[in-house]
Amino acid sequence: MIRALEKPVSTKAQTLSQKIHAALEFAKTLPTQDCVAEIRISLAAIQAYCETIEKIFIVVEERITCNQHDLSGSSQDQATLFRGPCKDASVAICITDRGSLLYRNSNEWQIYRNAGDL
């Protein structure tokens, strides 16, 4: 969950959503490790921006297996998950070690790149 996006009512919240989608569009063209680094950097930049407009934007990075969080992959495959502080966050970005890139802003994952592991 990225708290600043929970209720995208204001123009500022829409701007945050656009920033995230722009980061995802760019990151999907990169090799896996660069993709993870780009998402990490982009989320840090969004977090810094949110501080300037006094919005809360908390990002937690964790390693998971690809069968967690409704990803429907294998328990043998690993991924990096970026989410808010809540374990069951509805907003999240996931990059698998094989290269799939997914974004969730509701109950279903949106696939930005499919490496065939999910």
N, C-alpha and C. Protein backbone atom coordinates (compact mmCIF):
# COMPACT_ATOMS: atom_id res chain seq x y z
N MET A 1 0.84 -1.18 0.00
CA MET A 1 0.00 0.00 0.00
C MET A 1 0.88 1.23 0.00
N ILE A 2 0.57 2.15 -0.84
CA ILE A 2 1.23 3.43 -0.86
C ILE A 2 0.17 4.41 -0.40
N ARG A 3 0.30 4.85 0.82
CA ARG A 3 -0.77 5.57 1.48
C ARG A 3 -1.24 6.80 0.75
N ALA A 4 -0.37 7.50 0.08
CA ALA A 4 -0.76 8.71 -0.63
C ALA A 4 -1.70 8.41 -1.78
N LEU A 5 -1.80 7.14 -2.20
CA LEU A 5 -2.65 6.79 -3.33
C LEU A 5 -3.95 6.12 -2.92
N GLU A 6 -4.18 5.94 -1.64
CA GLU A 6 -5.39 5.24 -1.22
C GLU A 6 -6.66 5.92 -1.71
N LYS A 7 -6.69 7.25 -1.63
CA LYS A 7 -7.86 7.99 -2.05
C LYS A 7 -7.43 9.07 -3.04
N PRO A 8 -7.25 8.71 -4.31
CA PRO A 8 -6.74 9.68 -5.27
C PRO A 8 -7.81 10.68 -5.67
N VAL A 9 -8.17 11.56 -4.73
CA VAL A 9 -9.21 12.55 -4.96
C VAL A 9 -8.62 13.83 -5.51
N SER A 10 -7.53 14.29 -4.94
CA SER A 10 -6.96 15.56 -5.35
C SER A 10 -6.08 15.41 -6.58
N THR A 11 -5.76 16.52 -7.18
CA THR A 11 -4.85 16.54 -8.32
C THR A 11 -3.48 16.03 -7.90
N LYS A 12 -3.05 16.36 -6.69
CA LYS A 12 -1.75 15.90 -6.21
C LYS A 12 -1.70 14.38 -6.15
N ALA A 13 -2.78 13.75 -5.69
CA ALA A 13 -2.81 12.28 -5.63
C ALA A 13 -2.76 11.71 -7.04
N GLN A 14 -3.44 12.33 -7.99
CA GLN A 14 -3.39 11.86 -9.37
C GLN A 14 -1.98 12.01 -9.92
N THR A 15 -1.30 13.06 -9.54
CA THR A 15 0.07 13.27 -9.96
C THR A 15 0.95 12.14 -9.43
N LEU A 16 0.74 11.73 -8.20
CA LEU A 16 1.50 10.62 -7.63
C LEU A 16 1.24 9.34 -8.40
N SER A 17 0.00 9.09 -8.73
CA SER A 17 -0.34 7.91 -9.51
C SER A 17 0.36 7.96 -10.88
N GLN A 18 0.37 9.10 -11.49
CA GLN A 18 1.03 9.25 -12.78
C GLN A 18 2.53 9.02 -12.65
N LYS A 19 3.13 9.49 -11.56
CA LYS A 19 4.56 9.28 -11.32
C LYS A 19 4.87 7.79 -11.20
N ILE A 20 4.03 7.07 -10.49
CA ILE A 20 4.23 5.63 -10.31
C ILE A 20 4.10 4.91 -11.66
N HIS A 21 3.09 5.24 -12.42
CA HIS A 21 2.90 4.58 -13.72
C HIS A 21 4.03 4.92 -14.69
N ALA A 22 4.54 6.14 -14.63
CA ALA A 22 5.68 6.50 -15.49
C ALA A 22 6.91 5.69 -15.10
N ALA A 23 7.13 5.50 -13.79
CA ALA A 23 8.25 4.69 -13.33
C ALA A 23 8.10 3.24 -13.79
N LEU A 24 6.89 2.72 -13.72
CA LEU A 24 6.64 1.34 -14.15
C LEU A 24 6.87 1.19 -15.66
N GLU A 25 6.40 2.15 -16.43
CA GLU A 25 6.58 2.09 -17.89
C GLU A 25 8.06 2.10 -18.26
N PHE A 26 8.85 2.94 -17.58
CA PHE A 26 10.28 2.98 -17.87
C PHE A 26 10.97 1.71 -17.38
N ALA A 27 10.66 1.29 -16.16
CA ALA A 27 11.33 0.13 -15.55
C ALA A 27 11.08 -1.16 -16.32
N LYS A 28 9.94 -1.28 -16.97
CA LYS A 28 9.63 -2.53 -17.68
C LYS A 28 10.56 -2.80 -18.86
N THR A 29 11.30 -1.78 -19.29
CA THR A 29 12.22 -1.95 -20.41
C THR A 29 13.62 -2.36 -19.95
N LEU A 30 13.86 -2.42 -18.65
CA LEU A 30 15.19 -2.65 -18.10
C LEU A 30 15.42 -4.11 -17.71
N PRO A 31 16.67 -4.55 -17.67
CA PRO A 31 16.97 -5.88 -17.11
C PRO A 31 16.51 -5.94 -15.64
N THR A 32 16.31 -7.13 -15.15
CA THR A 32 15.68 -7.32 -13.84
C THR A 32 16.32 -6.52 -12.72
N GLN A 33 17.63 -6.62 -12.53
CA GLN A 33 18.27 -5.90 -11.42
C GLN A 33 18.17 -4.39 -11.59
N ASP A 34 18.27 -3.92 -12.81
CA ASP A 34 18.11 -2.49 -13.07
C ASP A 34 16.67 -2.06 -12.83
N CYS A 35 15.73 -2.93 -13.14
CA CYS A 35 14.32 -2.67 -12.91
C CYS A 35 14.06 -2.47 -11.41
N VAL A 36 14.59 -3.37 -10.60
CA VAL A 36 14.43 -3.25 -9.14
C VAL A 36 15.04 -1.94 -8.66
N ALA A 37 16.24 -1.63 -9.12
CA ALA A 37 16.92 -0.40 -8.71
C ALA A 37 16.13 0.83 -9.14
N GLU A 38 15.61 0.81 -10.35
CA GLU A 38 14.84 1.95 -10.85
C GLU A 38 13.57 2.17 -10.03
N ILE A 39 12.85 1.11 -9.72
CA ILE A 39 11.65 1.24 -8.89
C ILE A 39 12.03 1.77 -7.51
N ARG A 40 13.10 1.25 -6.94
CA ARG A 40 13.56 1.72 -5.62
C ARG A 40 13.86 3.22 -5.66
N ILE A 41 14.59 3.65 -6.69
CA ILE A 41 14.96 5.07 -6.83
C ILE A 41 13.71 5.93 -7.08
N SER A 42 12.83 5.46 -7.93
CA SER A 42 11.61 6.21 -8.24
C SER A 42 10.73 6.37 -7.02
N LEU A 43 10.58 5.31 -6.24
CA LEU A 43 9.75 5.40 -5.04
C LEU A 43 10.39 6.31 -3.99
N ALA A 44 11.71 6.30 -3.90
CA ALA A 44 12.41 7.22 -2.98
C ALA A 44 12.19 8.67 -3.42
N ALA A 45 12.23 8.91 -4.73
CA ALA A 45 11.98 10.27 -5.24
C ALA A 45 10.54 10.71 -4.97
N ILE A 46 9.59 9.80 -5.14
CA ILE A 46 8.19 10.11 -4.85
C ILE A 46 8.02 10.37 -3.36
N GLN A 47 8.70 9.59 -2.54
CA GLN A 47 8.64 9.79 -1.09
C GLN A 47 9.19 11.18 -0.72
N ALA A 48 10.30 11.58 -1.32
CA ALA A 48 10.87 12.91 -1.07
C ALA A 48 9.91 14.00 -1.53
N TYR A 49 9.29 13.80 -2.69
CA TYR A 49 8.30 14.76 -3.19
C TYR A 49 7.14 14.89 -2.20
N CYS A 50 6.66 13.78 -1.70
CA CYS A 50 5.54 13.80 -0.76
C CYS A 50 5.87 14.56 0.51
N GLU A 51 7.09 14.47 0.95
CA GLU A 51 7.50 15.24 2.13
C GLU A 51 7.37 16.73 1.88
N THR A 52 7.63 17.18 0.65
CA THR A 52 7.54 18.61 0.35
C THR A 52 6.10 19.10 0.32
N ILE A 53 5.16 18.20 0.07
CA ILE A 53 3.74 18.60 0.05
C ILE A 53 3.00 18.08 1.28
N GLU A 54 3.77 17.62 2.26
CA GLU A 54 3.24 17.16 3.55
C GLU A 54 2.23 16.02 3.41
N LYS A 55 2.56 15.07 2.54
CA LYS A 55 1.76 13.86 2.38
C LYS A 55 2.54 12.68 2.94
N ILE A 56 1.83 11.69 3.41
CA ILE A 56 2.47 10.48 3.92
C ILE A 56 2.64 9.49 2.77
N PHE A 57 3.86 9.03 2.60
CA PHE A 57 4.17 8.05 1.57
C PHE A 57 5.22 7.11 2.15
N ILE A 58 4.80 5.95 2.58
CA ILE A 58 5.70 5.00 3.23
C ILE A 58 5.86 3.80 2.32
N VAL A 59 7.11 3.42 2.08
CA VAL A 59 7.39 2.27 1.22
C VAL A 59 8.23 1.27 2.01
N VAL A 60 7.78 0.02 2.00
CA VAL A 60 8.52 -1.08 2.61
C VAL A 60 8.96 -2.00 1.48
N GLU A 61 10.21 -2.40 1.52
CA GLU A 61 10.73 -3.33 0.52
C GLU A 61 10.98 -4.66 1.21
N GLU A 62 10.49 -5.74 0.61
CA GLU A 62 10.71 -7.05 1.21
C GLU A 62 10.88 -8.12 0.14
N ARG A 63 11.54 -9.18 0.52
CA ARG A 63 11.71 -10.35 -0.35
C ARG A 63 10.57 -11.31 -0.04
N ILE A 64 9.96 -11.82 -1.09
CA ILE A 64 8.85 -12.76 -0.94
C ILE A 64 9.05 -13.92 -1.90
N THR A 65 8.21 -14.94 -1.77
CA THR A 65 8.16 -16.00 -2.77
C THR A 65 7.00 -15.67 -3.71
N CYS A 66 7.07 -16.20 -4.90
CA CYS A 66 6.10 -15.85 -5.94
C CYS A 66 4.72 -16.48 -5.76
N ASN A 67 4.54 -17.22 -4.69
CA ASN A 67 3.20 -17.76 -4.42
C ASN A 67 2.50 -16.94 -3.34
N GLN A 68 3.09 -15.84 -2.90
CA GLN A 68 2.47 -14.98 -1.90
C GLN A 68 1.70 -13.84 -2.56
N HIS A 69 0.83 -13.20 -1.82
CA HIS A 69 0.11 -12.00 -2.26
C HIS A 69 -0.66 -12.20 -3.56
N ASP A 70 -1.24 -13.37 -3.72
CA ASP A 70 -2.06 -13.69 -4.90
C ASP A 70 -1.27 -13.61 -6.21
N LEU A 71 0.02 -13.88 -6.17
CA LEU A 71 0.84 -13.83 -7.38
C LEU A 71 0.72 -15.10 -8.21
N SER A 72 0.33 -16.18 -7.61
CA SER A 72 0.12 -17.48 -8.26
C SER A 72 1.35 -18.06 -8.95
N GLY A 73 2.52 -17.75 -8.42
CA GLY A 73 3.75 -18.35 -8.93
C GLY A 73 4.20 -19.48 -8.03
N SER A 74 5.44 -19.87 -8.18
CA SER A 74 6.00 -20.98 -7.42
C SER A 74 6.59 -20.52 -6.10
N SER A 75 6.52 -21.39 -5.12
CA SER A 75 7.14 -21.09 -3.82
C SER A 75 8.66 -21.17 -3.91
N GLN A 76 9.17 -21.70 -5.02
CA GLN A 76 10.61 -21.79 -5.24
C GLN A 76 11.19 -20.51 -5.84
N ASP A 77 10.35 -19.68 -6.46
CA ASP A 77 10.80 -18.45 -7.10
C ASP A 77 10.66 -17.28 -6.13
N GLN A 78 11.61 -16.35 -6.21
CA GLN A 78 11.65 -15.18 -5.33
C GLN A 78 11.30 -13.91 -6.08
N ALA A 79 10.93 -12.88 -5.31
CA ALA A 79 10.60 -11.58 -5.88
C ALA A 79 10.87 -10.50 -4.85
N THR A 80 10.95 -9.27 -5.33
CA THR A 80 11.05 -8.10 -4.48
C THR A 80 9.70 -7.40 -4.51
N LEU A 81 9.16 -7.14 -3.34
CA LEU A 81 7.86 -6.48 -3.22
C LEU A 81 8.05 -5.13 -2.57
N PHE A 82 7.49 -4.11 -3.18
CA PHE A 82 7.44 -2.77 -2.60
C PHE A 82 5.99 -2.52 -2.21
N ARG A 83 5.77 -2.17 -0.96
CA ARG A 83 4.40 -1.96 -0.46
C ARG A 83 4.44 -0.93 0.66
N GLY A 84 3.28 -0.59 1.16
CA GLY A 84 3.19 0.29 2.31
C GLY A 84 3.43 -0.51 3.58
N PRO A 85 3.24 0.12 4.74
CA PRO A 85 3.55 -0.54 6.00
C PRO A 85 2.61 -1.69 6.37
N CYS A 86 1.45 -1.75 5.75
CA CYS A 86 0.49 -2.81 6.03
C CYS A 86 0.85 -4.07 5.24
N LYS A 87 0.94 -5.22 5.91
CA LYS A 87 1.34 -6.47 5.24
C LYS A 87 0.43 -6.84 4.07
N ASP A 88 -0.87 -6.57 4.20
CA ASP A 88 -1.81 -6.93 3.13
C ASP A 88 -2.20 -5.70 2.30
N ALA A 89 -1.23 -4.87 2.03
CA ALA A 89 -1.46 -3.63 1.28
C ALA A 89 -2.10 -3.90 -0.07
N SER A 90 -3.08 -3.08 -0.42
CA SER A 90 -3.75 -3.26 -1.70
C SER A 90 -2.94 -2.64 -2.84
N VAL A 91 -2.05 -1.70 -2.54
CA VAL A 91 -1.20 -1.08 -3.54
C VAL A 91 0.21 -1.62 -3.35
N ALA A 92 0.78 -2.16 -4.44
CA ALA A 92 2.11 -2.76 -4.34
C ALA A 92 2.73 -2.88 -5.73
N ILE A 93 4.06 -2.98 -5.73
CA ILE A 93 4.82 -3.24 -6.96
C ILE A 93 5.67 -4.47 -6.69
N CYS A 94 5.68 -5.40 -7.63
CA CYS A 94 6.43 -6.63 -7.47
C CYS A 94 7.31 -6.87 -8.69
N ILE A 95 8.57 -7.21 -8.44
CA ILE A 95 9.49 -7.59 -9.51
C ILE A 95 10.05 -8.95 -9.16
N THR A 96 9.78 -9.93 -10.00
CA THR A 96 10.28 -11.28 -9.73
C THR A 96 11.74 -11.38 -10.16
N ASP A 97 12.44 -12.34 -9.60
CA ASP A 97 13.85 -12.53 -9.95
C ASP A 97 14.03 -12.91 -11.41
N ARG A 98 13.00 -13.47 -12.01
CA ARG A 98 13.08 -13.81 -13.43
C ARG A 98 12.70 -12.64 -14.34
N GLY A 99 12.15 -11.56 -13.74
CA GLY A 99 11.91 -10.35 -14.52
C GLY A 99 10.49 -9.88 -14.71
N SER A 100 9.51 -10.56 -14.17
CA SER A 100 8.14 -10.06 -14.29
C SER A 100 8.00 -8.80 -13.44
N LEU A 101 7.20 -7.85 -13.92
CA LEU A 101 6.94 -6.59 -13.22
C LEU A 101 5.44 -6.42 -13.13
N LEU A 102 4.95 -6.29 -11.90
CA LEU A 102 3.51 -6.18 -11.68
C LEU A 102 3.20 -5.02 -10.73
N TYR A 103 2.01 -4.47 -10.89
CA TYR A 103 1.53 -3.38 -10.05
C TYR A 103 0.11 -3.68 -9.63
N ARG A 104 -0.18 -3.46 -8.36
CA ARG A 104 -1.55 -3.69 -7.86
C ARG A 104 -2.03 -2.42 -7.18
N ASN A 105 -3.19 -1.96 -7.61
CA ASN A 105 -3.84 -0.81 -6.98
C ASN A 105 -5.27 -1.17 -6.61
N SER A 106 -5.53 -2.43 -6.54
CA SER A 106 -6.84 -2.96 -6.16
C SER A 106 -6.64 -4.43 -5.84
N ASN A 107 -7.61 -5.25 -6.14
CA ASN A 107 -7.49 -6.68 -5.84
C ASN A 107 -6.67 -7.45 -6.87
N GLU A 108 -6.54 -6.93 -8.08
CA GLU A 108 -5.86 -7.68 -9.13
C GLU A 108 -4.55 -7.02 -9.52
N TRP A 109 -3.57 -7.86 -9.87
CA TRP A 109 -2.28 -7.38 -10.33
C TRP A 109 -2.37 -6.98 -11.80
N GLN A 110 -1.75 -5.86 -12.16
CA GLN A 110 -1.62 -5.45 -13.55
C GLN A 110 -0.19 -5.81 -13.97
N ILE A 111 -0.07 -6.52 -15.07
CA ILE A 111 1.24 -6.98 -15.53
C ILE A 111 1.85 -5.94 -16.47
N TYR A 112 3.03 -5.46 -16.12
CA TYR A 112 3.78 -4.54 -16.98
C TYR A 112 4.80 -5.30 -17.82
N ARG A 113 5.30 -6.41 -17.29
CA ARG A 113 6.20 -7.28 -18.05
C ARG A 113 6.02 -8.69 -17.51
N ASN A 114 5.88 -9.66 -18.41
CA ASN A 114 5.68 -11.04 -18.02
C ASN A 114 6.88 -11.85 -18.46
N ALA A 115 7.59 -12.42 -17.48
CA ALA A 115 8.74 -13.27 -17.77
C ALA A 115 8.35 -14.74 -17.74
N GLY A 116 7.06 -15.03 -17.67
CA GLY A 116 6.58 -16.41 -17.70
C GLY A 116 6.64 -17.15 -16.37
N ASP A 117 6.93 -16.43 -15.29
CA ASP A 117 7.04 -17.11 -14.00
C ASP A 117 5.82 -16.94 -13.12
N LEU A 118 4.84 -16.22 -13.57
CA LEU A 118 3.60 -16.04 -12.78
C LEU A 118 2.39 -16.36 -13.60
